[in-house]
Amino acid sequence: MNSRTPAVSSAFGSAQPVDVGLMGDDRAVRAVVAALQQSAACGPATYKPMRDSNGTHAYLSVTVPAGPAPAT
């Protein structure tokens, strides 16, 4: 979606920003975005109407927590 540089290191085991796109019914998309913003580190969402529909596209970045180190 965009080519910005991630705000955090991309080394394995560190938090990773992920660009997310959602599309569907306007109320449902906005509810999912609100839930993500309450439970995760998310940037603000941008909303655009879907072409030929009454639905909505939403775009935002979600920071995915660091996972455990792989077993060796």
C-alpha atoms as a PDB file:
ATOM      1  CA  MET A   1       0.000   0.000   0.000  1.00  0.00           C
ATOM      2  CA  ASN A   2       2.750   2.439   0.783  1.00  0.00           C
ATOM      3  CA  SER A   3       6.489   2.492   0.586  1.00  0.00           C
ATOM      4  CA  ARG A   4       7.290   4.201   3.857  1.00  0.00           C
ATOM      5  CA  THR A   5      10.168   2.959   5.962  1.00  0.00           C
ATOM      6  CA  PRO A   6       9.011   0.903   8.969  1.00  0.00           C
ATOM      7  CA  ALA A   7       9.186   2.790  12.266  1.00  0.00           C
ATOM      8  CA  VAL A   8      10.792  -0.202  14.012  1.00  0.00           C
ATOM      9  CA  SER A   9      13.653  -2.507  13.213  1.00  0.00           C
ATOM     10  CA  SER A  10      12.890  -5.367  10.857  1.00  0.00           C
ATOM     11  CA  ALA A  11      15.231  -7.763  12.698  1.00  0.00           C
ATOM     12  CA  PHE A  12      13.708 -11.131  13.572  1.00  0.00           C
ATOM     13  CA  GLY A  13      11.990 -11.088  16.938  1.00  0.00           C
ATOM     14  CA  SER A  14      11.217  -7.371  16.891  1.00  0.00           C
ATOM     15  CA  ALA A  15       7.800  -5.772  16.474  1.00  0.00           C
ATOM     16  CA  GLN A  16       6.808  -5.392  12.827  1.00  0.00           C
ATOM     17  CA  PRO A  17       4.475  -2.826  11.231  1.00  0.00           C
ATOM     18  CA  VAL A  18       2.051  -4.395   8.751  1.00  0.00           C
ATOM     19  CA  ASP A  19      -0.044  -2.414   6.273  1.00  0.00           C
ATOM     20  CA  VAL A  20      -3.610  -3.709   6.325  1.00  0.00           C
ATOM     21  CA  GLY A  21      -6.426  -3.212   3.838  1.00  0.00           C
ATOM     22  CA  LEU A  22     -10.016  -4.113   4.671  1.00  0.00           C
ATOM     23  CA  MET A  23     -13.095  -3.997   2.483  1.00  0.00           C
ATOM     24  CA  GLY A  24     -16.725  -4.748   3.077  1.00  0.00           C
ATOM     25  CA  ASP A  25     -19.875  -3.274   4.568  1.00  0.00           C
ATOM     26  CA  ASP A  26     -19.140   0.217   5.922  1.00  0.00           C
ATOM     27  CA  ARG A  27     -20.326  -0.475   9.490  1.00  0.00           C
ATOM     28  CA  ALA A  28     -18.490  -3.794   9.655  1.00  0.00           C
ATOM     29  CA  VAL A  29     -15.215  -2.323   8.349  1.00  0.00           C
ATOM     30  CA  ARG A  30     -15.384   0.571  10.804  1.00  0.00           C
ATOM     31  CA  ALA A  31     -16.140  -1.842  13.672  1.00  0.00           C
ATOM     32  CA  VAL A  32     -13.099  -4.000  12.803  1.00  0.00           C
ATOM     33  CA  VAL A  33     -10.864  -0.912  12.584  1.00  0.00           C
ATOM     34  CA  ALA A  34     -12.142   0.318  15.976  1.00  0.00           C
ATOM     35  CA  ALA A  35     -11.482  -3.116  17.522  1.00  0.00           C
ATOM     36  CA  LEU A  36      -7.958  -3.209  16.085  1.00  0.00           C
ATOM     37  CA  GLN A  37      -7.238   0.306  17.355  1.00  0.00           C
ATOM     38  CA  GLN A  38      -8.355  -0.693  20.870  1.00  0.00           C
ATOM     39  CA  SER A  39      -6.412  -3.952  21.030  1.00  0.00           C
ATOM     40  CA  ALA A  40      -3.267  -3.257  18.992  1.00  0.00           C
ATOM     41  CA  ALA A  41      -0.838  -0.493  18.146  1.00  0.00           C
ATOM     42  CA  CYS A  42      -2.512   0.951  15.041  1.00  0.00           C
ATOM     43  CA  GLY A  43      -2.145   4.103  13.082  1.00  0.00           C
ATOM     44  CA  PRO A  44      -5.194   6.074  12.023  1.00  0.00           C
ATOM     45  CA  ALA A  45      -7.306   4.509   9.279  1.00  0.00           C
ATOM     46  CA  THR A  46      -8.212   6.073   5.968  1.00  0.00           C
ATOM     47  CA  TYR A  47     -11.588   5.177   4.474  1.00  0.00           C
ATOM     48  CA  LYS A  48     -12.596   5.177   0.813  1.00  0.00           C
ATOM     49  CA  PRO A  49     -15.888   4.086  -0.748  1.00  0.00           C
ATOM     50  CA  MET A  50     -15.774   0.864  -2.760  1.00  0.00           C
ATOM     51  CA  ARG A  51     -16.345   1.265  -6.470  1.00  0.00           C
ATOM     52  CA  ASP A  52     -19.785   0.095  -7.660  1.00  0.00           C
ATOM     53  CA  SER A  53     -20.920  -0.719  -4.105  1.00  0.00           C
ATOM     54  CA  ASN A  54     -22.074   0.799  -0.842  1.00  0.00           C
ATOM     55  CA  GLY A  55     -19.113  -0.784   0.978  1.00  0.00           C
ATOM     56  CA  THR A  56     -15.909   0.774   2.278  1.00  0.00           C
ATOM     57  CA  HIS A  57     -12.159   0.226   1.920  1.00  0.00           C
ATOM     58  CA  ALA A  58     -10.067   0.989   5.004  1.00  0.00           C
ATOM     59  CA  TYR A  59      -6.269   1.190   5.129  1.00  0.00           C
ATOM     60  CA  LEU A  60      -4.158   1.302   8.302  1.00  0.00           C
ATOM     61  CA  SER A  61      -0.892   0.056   9.789  1.00  0.00           C
ATOM     62  CA  VAL A  62      -0.863  -2.447  12.638  1.00  0.00           C
ATOM     63  CA  THR A  63       2.248  -3.192  14.688  1.00  0.00           C
ATOM     64  CA  VAL A  64       2.532  -6.940  15.141  1.00  0.00           C
ATOM     65  CA  PRO A  65       4.200  -7.879  18.461  1.00  0.00           C
ATOM     66  CA  ALA A  66       7.514  -9.671  18.376  1.00  0.00           C
ATOM     67  CA  GLY A  67       7.250 -13.430  18.338  1.00  0.00           C
ATOM     68  CA  PRO A  68       9.382 -15.873  20.307  1.00  0.00           C
ATOM     69  CA  ALA A  69      12.807 -16.762  18.955  1.00  0.00           C
ATOM     70  CA  PRO A  70      12.864 -19.916  16.805  1.00  0.00           C
ATOM     71  CA  ALA A  71      14.071 -23.146  18.419  1.00  0.00           C
ATOM     72  CA  THR A  72      17.558 -24.159  17.386  1.00  0.00           C
END
